[in-house]
N, C-alpha and C. Protein backbone atom coordinates (compact mmCIF):
# COMPACT_ATOMS: atom_id res chain seq x y z
N MET A 1 -78.92 58.94 17.23
CA MET A 1 -79.14 57.58 17.67
C MET A 1 -77.86 57.01 18.29
N ARG A 2 -76.75 57.24 17.63
CA ARG A 2 -75.47 56.74 18.14
C ARG A 2 -75.18 57.33 19.52
N PHE A 3 -75.50 58.63 19.70
CA PHE A 3 -75.29 59.29 20.98
C PHE A 3 -76.15 58.64 22.08
N VAL A 4 -77.41 58.35 21.76
CA VAL A 4 -78.32 57.73 22.73
C VAL A 4 -77.81 56.35 23.11
N LEU A 5 -77.38 55.58 22.12
CA LEU A 5 -76.86 54.24 22.40
C LEU A 5 -75.61 54.33 23.26
N SER A 6 -74.73 55.25 22.95
CA SER A 6 -73.50 55.44 23.72
C SER A 6 -73.83 55.84 25.16
N ALA A 7 -74.78 56.74 25.32
CA ALA A 7 -75.18 57.18 26.65
C ALA A 7 -75.79 56.03 27.45
N LEU A 8 -76.61 55.22 26.81
CA LEU A 8 -77.22 54.07 27.49
C LEU A 8 -76.16 53.06 27.91
N LEU A 9 -75.19 52.79 27.04
CA LEU A 9 -74.11 51.86 27.38
C LEU A 9 -73.27 52.39 28.53
N SER A 10 -73.00 53.69 28.55
CA SER A 10 -72.25 54.30 29.65
C SER A 10 -73.01 54.19 30.95
N LEU A 11 -74.30 54.44 30.88
CA LEU A 11 -75.15 54.34 32.07
C LEU A 11 -75.19 52.91 32.58
N ALA A 12 -75.32 51.95 31.69
CA ALA A 12 -75.32 50.53 32.08
C ALA A 12 -73.99 50.16 32.74
N ALA A 13 -72.88 50.64 32.21
CA ALA A 13 -71.57 50.34 32.80
C ALA A 13 -71.45 50.95 34.19
N LEU A 14 -71.99 52.16 34.36
CA LEU A 14 -71.96 52.80 35.66
C LEU A 14 -72.73 51.98 36.69
N PHE A 15 -73.93 51.54 36.34
CA PHE A 15 -74.72 50.73 37.26
C PHE A 15 -74.06 49.39 37.54
N ALA A 16 -73.47 48.78 36.55
CA ALA A 16 -72.81 47.49 36.74
C ALA A 16 -71.63 47.64 37.69
N SER A 17 -70.87 48.72 37.58
CA SER A 17 -69.73 48.90 38.48
C SER A 17 -70.17 49.23 39.89
N ALA A 18 -71.36 49.82 40.04
CA ALA A 18 -71.86 50.18 41.36
C ALA A 18 -72.51 48.99 42.07
N ALA A 19 -72.81 47.94 41.34
CA ALA A 19 -73.47 46.78 41.94
C ALA A 19 -72.54 46.10 42.93
N GLU A 20 -73.08 45.72 44.05
CA GLU A 20 -72.29 45.02 45.04
C GLU A 20 -72.50 43.52 44.92
N SER A 21 -71.57 42.80 45.46
CA SER A 21 -71.78 41.36 45.45
C SER A 21 -72.58 40.99 46.69
N GLY A 22 -73.53 40.15 46.48
CA GLY A 22 -74.34 39.67 47.59
C GLY A 22 -74.19 38.17 47.71
N ILE A 23 -74.87 37.61 48.66
CA ILE A 23 -74.95 36.15 48.76
C ILE A 23 -76.07 35.74 47.82
N GLU A 24 -75.76 34.89 46.88
CA GLU A 24 -76.73 34.45 45.86
C GLU A 24 -76.82 32.93 45.91
N LEU A 25 -78.01 32.42 46.19
CA LEU A 25 -78.22 30.97 46.26
C LEU A 25 -79.51 30.62 45.52
N ALA A 26 -79.55 29.42 45.00
CA ALA A 26 -80.76 28.93 44.34
C ALA A 26 -80.90 27.44 44.62
N VAL A 27 -82.14 27.03 44.87
CA VAL A 27 -82.44 25.62 45.09
C VAL A 27 -83.74 25.28 44.39
N THR A 28 -83.92 24.01 44.14
CA THR A 28 -85.20 23.52 43.65
C THR A 28 -85.87 22.78 44.80
N VAL A 29 -87.10 23.14 45.06
CA VAL A 29 -87.88 22.53 46.13
C VAL A 29 -88.98 21.71 45.48
N LYS A 30 -89.11 20.46 45.89
CA LYS A 30 -90.09 19.55 45.28
C LYS A 30 -91.48 19.80 45.86
N ALA A 31 -92.01 20.96 45.48
CA ALA A 31 -93.36 21.36 45.90
C ALA A 31 -93.81 22.48 44.98
N PRO A 32 -95.13 22.64 44.83
CA PRO A 32 -95.63 23.74 44.01
C PRO A 32 -95.25 25.10 44.60
N VAL A 33 -95.18 26.10 43.75
CA VAL A 33 -94.86 27.45 44.20
C VAL A 33 -95.77 27.88 45.34
N SER A 34 -97.06 27.58 45.24
CA SER A 34 -98.00 28.02 46.28
C SER A 34 -97.62 27.48 47.66
N GLU A 35 -97.10 26.25 47.73
CA GLU A 35 -96.72 25.65 49.02
C GLU A 35 -95.41 26.23 49.54
N VAL A 36 -94.46 26.45 48.66
CA VAL A 36 -93.18 27.05 49.07
C VAL A 36 -93.42 28.49 49.51
N TRP A 37 -94.30 29.18 48.81
CA TRP A 37 -94.68 30.54 49.19
C TRP A 37 -95.26 30.56 50.61
N LYS A 38 -96.18 29.65 50.90
CA LYS A 38 -96.78 29.58 52.24
C LYS A 38 -95.74 29.30 53.31
N ALA A 39 -94.73 28.48 52.95
CA ALA A 39 -93.68 28.18 53.93
C ALA A 39 -92.91 29.43 54.34
N TRP A 40 -92.76 30.37 53.44
CA TRP A 40 -92.03 31.61 53.74
C TRP A 40 -92.92 32.74 54.24
N THR A 41 -94.22 32.66 54.01
CA THR A 41 -95.08 33.81 54.30
C THR A 41 -96.10 33.56 55.40
N SER A 42 -95.88 32.54 56.21
CA SER A 42 -96.77 32.29 57.35
C SER A 42 -95.93 31.85 58.54
N SER A 43 -96.42 32.14 59.72
CA SER A 43 -95.70 31.72 60.92
C SER A 43 -95.57 30.21 60.98
N ALA A 44 -96.65 29.49 60.65
CA ALA A 44 -96.60 28.03 60.65
C ALA A 44 -95.61 27.52 59.60
N GLY A 45 -95.56 28.18 58.47
CA GLY A 45 -94.60 27.78 57.44
C GLY A 45 -93.17 27.96 57.90
N ILE A 46 -92.85 29.09 58.50
CA ILE A 46 -91.49 29.35 58.97
C ILE A 46 -91.08 28.34 60.02
N THR A 47 -91.99 28.02 60.95
CA THR A 47 -91.63 27.06 62.00
C THR A 47 -91.51 25.64 61.46
N SER A 48 -91.95 25.40 60.24
CA SER A 48 -91.82 24.06 59.67
C SER A 48 -90.43 23.77 59.12
N PHE A 49 -89.57 24.82 59.00
CA PHE A 49 -88.23 24.57 58.47
C PHE A 49 -87.15 25.53 58.95
N PHE A 50 -87.49 26.71 59.44
CA PHE A 50 -86.51 27.76 59.66
C PHE A 50 -86.18 28.00 61.14
N ALA A 51 -87.21 28.15 61.98
CA ALA A 51 -87.01 28.52 63.38
C ALA A 51 -88.18 28.01 64.20
N PRO A 52 -87.98 27.84 65.52
CA PRO A 52 -89.06 27.31 66.35
C PRO A 52 -90.19 28.28 66.62
N GLU A 53 -89.99 29.57 66.35
CA GLU A 53 -91.04 30.55 66.60
C GLU A 53 -90.94 31.66 65.57
N ALA A 54 -92.09 32.15 65.12
CA ALA A 54 -92.08 33.20 64.11
C ALA A 54 -93.38 33.99 64.16
N GLU A 55 -93.28 35.23 63.72
CA GLU A 55 -94.45 36.07 63.48
C GLU A 55 -94.26 36.68 62.10
N VAL A 56 -95.14 36.29 61.18
CA VAL A 56 -95.01 36.75 59.80
C VAL A 56 -96.33 37.37 59.35
N ASP A 57 -96.23 38.57 58.85
CA ASP A 57 -97.38 39.29 58.29
C ASP A 57 -96.95 39.71 56.88
N PRO A 58 -97.28 38.89 55.87
CA PRO A 58 -96.72 39.08 54.53
C PRO A 58 -97.34 40.23 53.72
N ARG A 59 -97.06 41.43 54.20
CA ARG A 59 -97.48 42.65 53.49
C ARG A 59 -96.40 43.68 53.72
N PRO A 60 -96.26 44.66 52.84
CA PRO A 60 -95.25 45.69 53.07
C PRO A 60 -95.41 46.31 54.45
N ASP A 61 -94.30 46.43 55.16
CA ASP A 61 -94.21 46.92 56.54
C ASP A 61 -94.74 45.92 57.56
N GLY A 62 -95.11 44.72 57.12
CA GLY A 62 -95.56 43.68 58.04
C GLY A 62 -94.39 43.06 58.79
N ALA A 63 -94.70 42.36 59.85
CA ALA A 63 -93.67 41.71 60.68
C ALA A 63 -93.04 40.55 59.94
N PHE A 64 -91.74 40.40 60.13
CA PHE A 64 -91.01 39.21 59.69
C PHE A 64 -90.04 38.88 60.81
N HIS A 65 -90.60 38.37 61.93
CA HIS A 65 -89.84 38.10 63.14
C HIS A 65 -89.56 36.60 63.21
N ILE A 66 -88.31 36.24 63.16
CA ILE A 66 -87.89 34.85 63.17
C ILE A 66 -87.09 34.62 64.44
N HIS A 67 -87.61 33.81 65.35
CA HIS A 67 -86.97 33.60 66.65
C HIS A 67 -86.27 32.25 66.70
N MET A 68 -84.96 32.28 66.51
CA MET A 68 -84.16 31.07 66.67
C MET A 68 -84.07 30.67 68.13
N ASP A 69 -84.13 31.67 69.01
CA ASP A 69 -84.09 31.44 70.45
C ASP A 69 -85.30 32.11 71.11
N PRO A 70 -86.42 31.40 71.15
CA PRO A 70 -87.63 32.00 71.73
C PRO A 70 -87.48 32.37 73.20
N TYR A 71 -86.48 31.81 73.90
CA TYR A 71 -86.28 32.10 75.32
C TYR A 71 -85.34 33.28 75.53
N GLY A 72 -84.79 33.81 74.47
CA GLY A 72 -83.87 34.95 74.58
C GLY A 72 -84.60 36.22 75.00
N ALA A 73 -83.81 37.15 75.48
CA ALA A 73 -84.37 38.46 75.84
C ALA A 73 -84.84 39.17 74.58
N PRO A 74 -85.79 40.09 74.70
CA PRO A 74 -86.20 40.85 73.52
C PRO A 74 -84.98 41.48 72.83
N GLY A 75 -84.96 41.35 71.54
CA GLY A 75 -83.84 41.84 70.76
C GLY A 75 -82.71 40.84 70.60
N MET A 76 -82.80 39.71 71.29
CA MET A 76 -81.75 38.69 71.24
C MET A 76 -82.28 37.32 70.82
N LYS A 77 -83.47 37.28 70.27
CA LYS A 77 -84.10 36.01 69.89
C LYS A 77 -83.70 35.53 68.51
N GLY A 78 -83.18 36.39 67.71
CA GLY A 78 -82.84 36.06 66.32
C GLY A 78 -83.11 37.29 65.47
N ALA A 79 -83.92 37.13 64.48
CA ALA A 79 -84.33 38.26 63.63
C ALA A 79 -85.62 38.83 64.22
N ASP A 80 -85.47 39.47 65.38
CA ASP A 80 -86.61 39.88 66.20
C ASP A 80 -87.55 40.89 65.55
N THR A 81 -87.00 41.91 64.97
CA THR A 81 -87.82 43.03 64.52
C THR A 81 -87.64 43.31 63.03
N MET A 82 -87.59 42.27 62.25
CA MET A 82 -87.43 42.46 60.81
C MET A 82 -88.78 42.82 60.20
N THR A 83 -88.73 43.38 59.01
CA THR A 83 -89.91 43.92 58.36
C THR A 83 -89.98 43.47 56.90
N VAL A 84 -91.17 43.12 56.47
CA VAL A 84 -91.39 42.81 55.06
C VAL A 84 -91.26 44.12 54.28
N LEU A 85 -90.53 44.07 53.18
CA LEU A 85 -90.35 45.25 52.33
C LEU A 85 -91.26 45.23 51.12
N ALA A 86 -91.29 44.09 50.42
CA ALA A 86 -92.07 44.02 49.19
C ALA A 86 -92.64 42.62 49.03
N VAL A 87 -93.82 42.56 48.41
CA VAL A 87 -94.51 41.30 48.18
C VAL A 87 -95.11 41.31 46.78
N GLU A 88 -94.82 40.29 46.03
CA GLU A 88 -95.53 40.00 44.79
C GLU A 88 -95.94 38.55 44.93
N PRO A 89 -97.20 38.28 45.28
CA PRO A 89 -97.62 36.93 45.65
C PRO A 89 -97.10 35.84 44.71
N GLU A 90 -96.49 34.85 45.36
CA GLU A 90 -95.95 33.66 44.71
C GLU A 90 -94.86 33.96 43.70
N LYS A 91 -94.29 35.17 43.77
CA LYS A 91 -93.19 35.54 42.88
C LYS A 91 -92.01 36.14 43.64
N LEU A 92 -92.29 37.08 44.57
CA LEU A 92 -91.21 37.81 45.24
C LEU A 92 -91.60 38.16 46.67
N LEU A 93 -90.64 37.98 47.56
CA LEU A 93 -90.77 38.41 48.95
C LEU A 93 -89.42 39.00 49.34
N SER A 94 -89.42 40.22 49.88
CA SER A 94 -88.18 40.79 50.40
C SER A 94 -88.43 41.30 51.81
N PHE A 95 -87.36 41.25 52.61
CA PHE A 95 -87.48 41.65 54.01
C PHE A 95 -86.12 42.10 54.52
N THR A 96 -86.15 42.87 55.61
CA THR A 96 -84.91 43.29 56.25
C THR A 96 -84.34 42.11 57.04
N TRP A 97 -83.05 42.20 57.31
CA TRP A 97 -82.39 41.14 58.06
C TRP A 97 -81.28 41.74 58.90
N ASN A 98 -80.93 41.07 60.00
CA ASN A 98 -79.84 41.56 60.84
C ASN A 98 -78.84 40.45 61.13
N ALA A 99 -77.72 40.85 61.70
CA ALA A 99 -76.65 39.91 62.06
C ALA A 99 -77.02 39.20 63.36
N PRO A 100 -76.36 38.09 63.66
CA PRO A 100 -76.65 37.38 64.91
C PRO A 100 -76.21 38.20 66.14
N PRO A 101 -76.77 37.89 67.31
CA PRO A 101 -76.48 38.67 68.52
C PRO A 101 -74.99 38.78 68.89
N HIS A 102 -74.18 37.80 68.52
CA HIS A 102 -72.77 37.89 68.90
C HIS A 102 -71.97 38.90 68.07
N LEU A 103 -72.64 39.57 67.12
CA LEU A 103 -72.02 40.62 66.32
C LEU A 103 -72.82 41.91 66.48
N PRO A 104 -72.75 42.56 67.65
CA PRO A 104 -73.65 43.68 67.96
C PRO A 104 -73.50 44.90 67.04
N GLN A 105 -72.31 45.19 66.58
CA GLN A 105 -72.14 46.36 65.69
C GLN A 105 -72.89 46.13 64.38
N ALA A 106 -72.70 44.97 63.77
CA ALA A 106 -73.40 44.66 62.52
C ALA A 106 -74.89 44.46 62.79
N ARG A 107 -75.24 43.90 63.94
CA ARG A 107 -76.64 43.64 64.27
C ARG A 107 -77.46 44.92 64.37
N ALA A 108 -76.83 46.01 64.74
CA ALA A 108 -77.53 47.29 64.88
C ALA A 108 -77.97 47.85 63.54
N GLN A 109 -77.49 47.25 62.45
CA GLN A 109 -77.84 47.70 61.10
C GLN A 109 -78.68 46.63 60.41
N ARG A 110 -79.09 46.89 59.19
CA ARG A 110 -79.94 45.96 58.47
C ARG A 110 -79.40 45.70 57.07
N THR A 111 -79.62 44.47 56.63
CA THR A 111 -79.38 44.09 55.24
C THR A 111 -80.74 43.74 54.65
N VAL A 112 -80.75 43.28 53.40
CA VAL A 112 -82.00 42.95 52.72
C VAL A 112 -81.89 41.55 52.12
N VAL A 113 -82.92 40.76 52.32
CA VAL A 113 -83.03 39.44 51.69
C VAL A 113 -84.16 39.50 50.67
N ILE A 114 -83.90 38.99 49.48
CA ILE A 114 -84.89 38.95 48.40
C ILE A 114 -85.06 37.50 47.99
N LEU A 115 -86.28 37.02 48.05
CA LEU A 115 -86.61 35.66 47.61
C LEU A 115 -87.43 35.76 46.33
N ARG A 116 -87.07 34.95 45.35
CA ARG A 116 -87.83 34.87 44.10
C ARG A 116 -88.28 33.43 43.92
N PHE A 117 -89.55 33.26 43.57
CA PHE A 117 -90.19 31.96 43.43
C PHE A 117 -90.57 31.79 41.96
N ALA A 118 -90.23 30.64 41.38
CA ALA A 118 -90.58 30.39 39.98
C ALA A 118 -90.91 28.91 39.80
N PRO A 119 -91.91 28.61 38.99
CA PRO A 119 -92.21 27.20 38.71
C PRO A 119 -91.01 26.56 38.03
N ASP A 120 -90.82 25.30 38.34
CA ASP A 120 -89.72 24.52 37.78
C ASP A 120 -90.29 23.13 37.47
N ALA A 121 -89.67 22.43 36.56
CA ALA A 121 -90.16 21.08 36.20
C ALA A 121 -90.29 20.18 37.43
N ASP A 122 -89.39 20.36 38.42
CA ASP A 122 -89.41 19.53 39.61
C ASP A 122 -90.11 20.17 40.80
N GLY A 123 -90.75 21.30 40.61
CA GLY A 123 -91.44 21.98 41.70
C GLY A 123 -91.27 23.48 41.63
N THR A 124 -90.45 24.02 42.54
CA THR A 124 -90.24 25.46 42.63
C THR A 124 -88.76 25.77 42.62
N ARG A 125 -88.38 26.71 41.82
CA ARG A 125 -87.01 27.24 41.84
C ARG A 125 -87.04 28.45 42.76
N LEU A 126 -86.32 28.39 43.86
CA LEU A 126 -86.25 29.47 44.83
C LEU A 126 -84.87 30.09 44.76
N THR A 127 -84.83 31.39 44.55
CA THR A 127 -83.57 32.12 44.52
C THR A 127 -83.53 33.07 45.70
N LEU A 128 -82.44 33.03 46.45
CA LEU A 128 -82.24 33.90 47.60
C LEU A 128 -81.08 34.83 47.30
N SER A 129 -81.31 36.12 47.46
CA SER A 129 -80.25 37.13 47.34
C SER A 129 -80.21 37.89 48.66
N HIS A 130 -79.03 37.97 49.24
CA HIS A 130 -78.86 38.70 50.51
C HIS A 130 -77.85 39.81 50.22
N VAL A 131 -78.31 41.06 50.26
CA VAL A 131 -77.50 42.21 49.86
C VAL A 131 -77.49 43.28 50.95
N GLY A 132 -76.61 44.26 50.75
CA GLY A 132 -76.53 45.39 51.67
C GLY A 132 -75.38 45.30 52.65
N TRP A 133 -74.33 44.58 52.28
CA TRP A 133 -73.21 44.33 53.17
C TRP A 133 -72.25 45.51 53.21
N GLY A 134 -71.83 45.88 54.40
CA GLY A 134 -70.73 46.81 54.57
C GLY A 134 -69.42 46.05 54.44
N SER A 135 -68.32 46.76 54.58
CA SER A 135 -67.03 46.11 54.39
C SER A 135 -66.10 46.24 55.60
N GLU A 136 -66.47 47.03 56.58
CA GLU A 136 -65.59 47.28 57.73
C GLU A 136 -66.18 46.69 59.00
N GLY A 137 -65.41 46.73 60.07
CA GLY A 137 -65.89 46.28 61.37
C GLY A 137 -66.34 44.82 61.35
N GLU A 138 -67.53 44.57 61.85
CA GLU A 138 -68.06 43.20 61.95
C GLU A 138 -68.73 42.72 60.66
N TRP A 139 -68.86 43.59 59.65
CA TRP A 139 -69.54 43.18 58.42
C TRP A 139 -68.97 41.92 57.80
N PRO A 140 -67.66 41.78 57.64
CA PRO A 140 -67.15 40.54 57.03
C PRO A 140 -67.52 39.29 57.83
N LYS A 141 -67.50 39.38 59.15
CA LYS A 141 -67.90 38.24 59.99
C LYS A 141 -69.38 37.91 59.80
N ALA A 142 -70.21 38.95 59.72
CA ALA A 142 -71.65 38.72 59.52
C ALA A 142 -71.90 38.05 58.18
N ARG A 143 -71.23 38.51 57.15
CA ARG A 143 -71.41 37.92 55.83
C ARG A 143 -70.96 36.45 55.83
N THR A 144 -69.81 36.18 56.42
CA THR A 144 -69.32 34.81 56.51
C THR A 144 -70.32 33.92 57.24
N TYR A 145 -70.90 34.45 58.32
CA TYR A 145 -71.90 33.70 59.08
C TYR A 145 -73.06 33.29 58.16
N PHE A 146 -73.57 34.24 57.37
CA PHE A 146 -74.74 33.94 56.53
C PHE A 146 -74.37 33.15 55.28
N GLU A 147 -73.13 33.21 54.84
CA GLU A 147 -72.70 32.34 53.74
C GLU A 147 -72.79 30.88 54.16
N LYS A 148 -72.68 30.62 55.46
CA LYS A 148 -72.83 29.26 56.00
C LYS A 148 -74.27 28.96 56.41
N ALA A 149 -74.97 29.97 56.94
CA ALA A 149 -76.32 29.74 57.48
C ALA A 149 -77.38 29.56 56.40
N TRP A 150 -77.38 30.41 55.37
CA TRP A 150 -78.45 30.34 54.37
C TRP A 150 -78.50 28.99 53.65
N PRO A 151 -77.38 28.37 53.28
CA PRO A 151 -77.49 27.03 52.67
C PRO A 151 -78.17 26.02 53.60
N ASN A 152 -77.95 26.14 54.90
CA ASN A 152 -78.61 25.24 55.85
C ASN A 152 -80.12 25.49 55.90
N VAL A 153 -80.51 26.76 55.89
CA VAL A 153 -81.93 27.09 55.89
C VAL A 153 -82.60 26.52 54.64
N LEU A 154 -81.96 26.71 53.49
CA LEU A 154 -82.55 26.21 52.23
C LEU A 154 -82.58 24.68 52.20
N LYS A 155 -81.57 24.05 52.78
CA LYS A 155 -81.57 22.57 52.86
C LYS A 155 -82.72 22.10 53.75
N ASN A 156 -82.94 22.80 54.87
CA ASN A 156 -84.07 22.46 55.75
C ASN A 156 -85.40 22.61 55.01
N LEU A 157 -85.51 23.64 54.18
CA LEU A 157 -86.72 23.84 53.39
C LEU A 157 -86.92 22.66 52.43
N GLN A 158 -85.88 22.28 51.74
CA GLN A 158 -85.98 21.14 50.82
C GLN A 158 -86.36 19.87 51.58
N THR A 159 -85.72 19.62 52.71
CA THR A 159 -86.00 18.42 53.51
C THR A 159 -87.44 18.42 53.99
N ARG A 160 -87.93 19.58 54.39
CA ARG A 160 -89.31 19.68 54.86
C ARG A 160 -90.28 19.19 53.79
N PHE A 161 -90.03 19.54 52.54
CA PHE A 161 -90.93 19.10 51.48
C PHE A 161 -90.59 17.70 50.97
N ASP A 162 -89.33 17.31 51.03
CA ASP A 162 -88.96 15.95 50.62
C ASP A 162 -89.60 14.91 51.54
N THR A 163 -89.62 15.20 52.85
CA THR A 163 -90.15 14.24 53.82
C THR A 163 -91.64 14.43 54.08
N GLY A 164 -92.15 15.64 53.79
CA GLY A 164 -93.54 15.94 54.10
C GLY A 164 -93.77 16.24 55.57
N LYS A 165 -92.67 16.37 56.32
CA LYS A 165 -92.79 16.61 57.76
C LYS A 165 -92.10 17.91 58.14
N PRO A 166 -92.71 18.68 59.04
CA PRO A 166 -92.04 19.88 59.54
C PRO A 166 -90.84 19.50 60.41
N TYR A 167 -89.91 20.42 60.54
CA TYR A 167 -88.75 20.22 61.39
C TYR A 167 -89.20 20.07 62.84
N ASP A 168 -88.59 19.14 63.57
CA ASP A 168 -88.91 18.92 64.98
C ASP A 168 -87.91 19.73 65.83
N TRP A 169 -88.40 20.75 66.48
CA TRP A 169 -87.56 21.66 67.26
C TRP A 169 -87.38 21.21 68.71
N THR A 170 -87.87 20.05 69.09
CA THR A 170 -87.85 19.60 70.49
C THR A 170 -86.45 19.61 71.08
N ASP A 171 -85.48 18.96 70.42
CA ASP A 171 -84.11 18.90 70.96
C ASP A 171 -83.48 20.29 71.01
N TRP A 172 -83.67 21.07 69.96
CA TRP A 172 -83.13 22.43 69.92
C TRP A 172 -83.64 23.26 71.10
N LEU A 173 -84.95 23.21 71.34
CA LEU A 173 -85.55 23.99 72.43
C LEU A 173 -85.06 23.49 73.79
N ALA A 174 -84.87 22.19 73.95
CA ALA A 174 -84.36 21.65 75.21
C ALA A 174 -82.94 22.15 75.47
N ARG A 175 -82.10 22.17 74.43
CA ARG A 175 -80.73 22.69 74.58
C ARG A 175 -80.75 24.18 74.95
N LEU A 176 -81.63 24.93 74.31
CA LEU A 176 -81.72 26.36 74.62
C LEU A 176 -82.15 26.58 76.07
N LYS A 177 -83.14 25.83 76.52
CA LYS A 177 -83.59 25.95 77.91
C LYS A 177 -82.44 25.68 78.87
N GLN A 178 -81.66 24.64 78.57
CA GLN A 178 -80.53 24.28 79.41
C GLN A 178 -79.49 25.40 79.42
N LEU A 179 -79.18 25.97 78.27
CA LEU A 179 -78.22 27.07 78.19
C LEU A 179 -78.70 28.29 78.97
N HIS A 180 -79.99 28.61 78.85
CA HIS A 180 -80.53 29.76 79.59
C HIS A 180 -80.52 29.49 81.09
N ALA A 181 -80.79 28.27 81.49
CA ALA A 181 -80.75 27.92 82.92
C ALA A 181 -79.32 28.05 83.46
N GLN A 182 -78.32 27.60 82.67
CA GLN A 182 -76.92 27.73 83.09
C GLN A 182 -76.52 29.19 83.18
N ASP A 183 -76.96 30.01 82.23
CA ASP A 183 -76.64 31.44 82.28
C ASP A 183 -77.27 32.10 83.50
N ALA A 184 -78.50 31.71 83.83
CA ALA A 184 -79.20 32.30 84.97
C ALA A 184 -78.54 31.91 86.28
N ALA A 185 -77.92 30.72 86.32
CA ALA A 185 -77.28 30.23 87.54
C ALA A 185 -75.89 30.83 87.79
N LYS A 186 -75.31 31.45 86.76
CA LYS A 186 -73.98 32.05 86.90
C LYS A 186 -74.05 33.25 87.84
N PRO A 187 -73.02 33.39 88.70
CA PRO A 187 -73.00 34.57 89.57
C PRO A 187 -72.88 35.85 88.75
N LYS A 188 -73.54 36.85 89.21
CA LYS A 188 -73.53 38.12 88.48
C LYS A 188 -72.52 39.06 89.03
């Protein structure tokens, strides 16, 4: 028995030392789990707080395409070709994720985002874990980018439910159109 306990403790220590640090965030959203779940697992839900365009198919290997720039070229719209990894309805959603277009080396690879949904006295406790970070090249820049971006996404989610209104992407889309028009007008 002592040997088994010792072996289990050694194994636990090995796994603990192998664990990497990820981005870990948690928020309370003033809405039932079912509503917060829909916000993350439907195209209409994503466009209500996260991005102006999305394609979401909430099943393993389903699409999780989040377009921050719907006018961008294919592969440059945002999280263009991400994939749902795992689904446990109203409890867990995980999907692949990539770096923003200005970090092409990191963007060519994928990380993993895991969302956990739990009832809370004030609505839903949502926990976001973003893991799979490398340590060289553009990886530190990509991680720093998402350490700033994910809190904004979660704040937008909270605001969406606090106000009862989806995010209005009108100004964002107008700025993007203007930027794309300026890029198109530049001499090649």
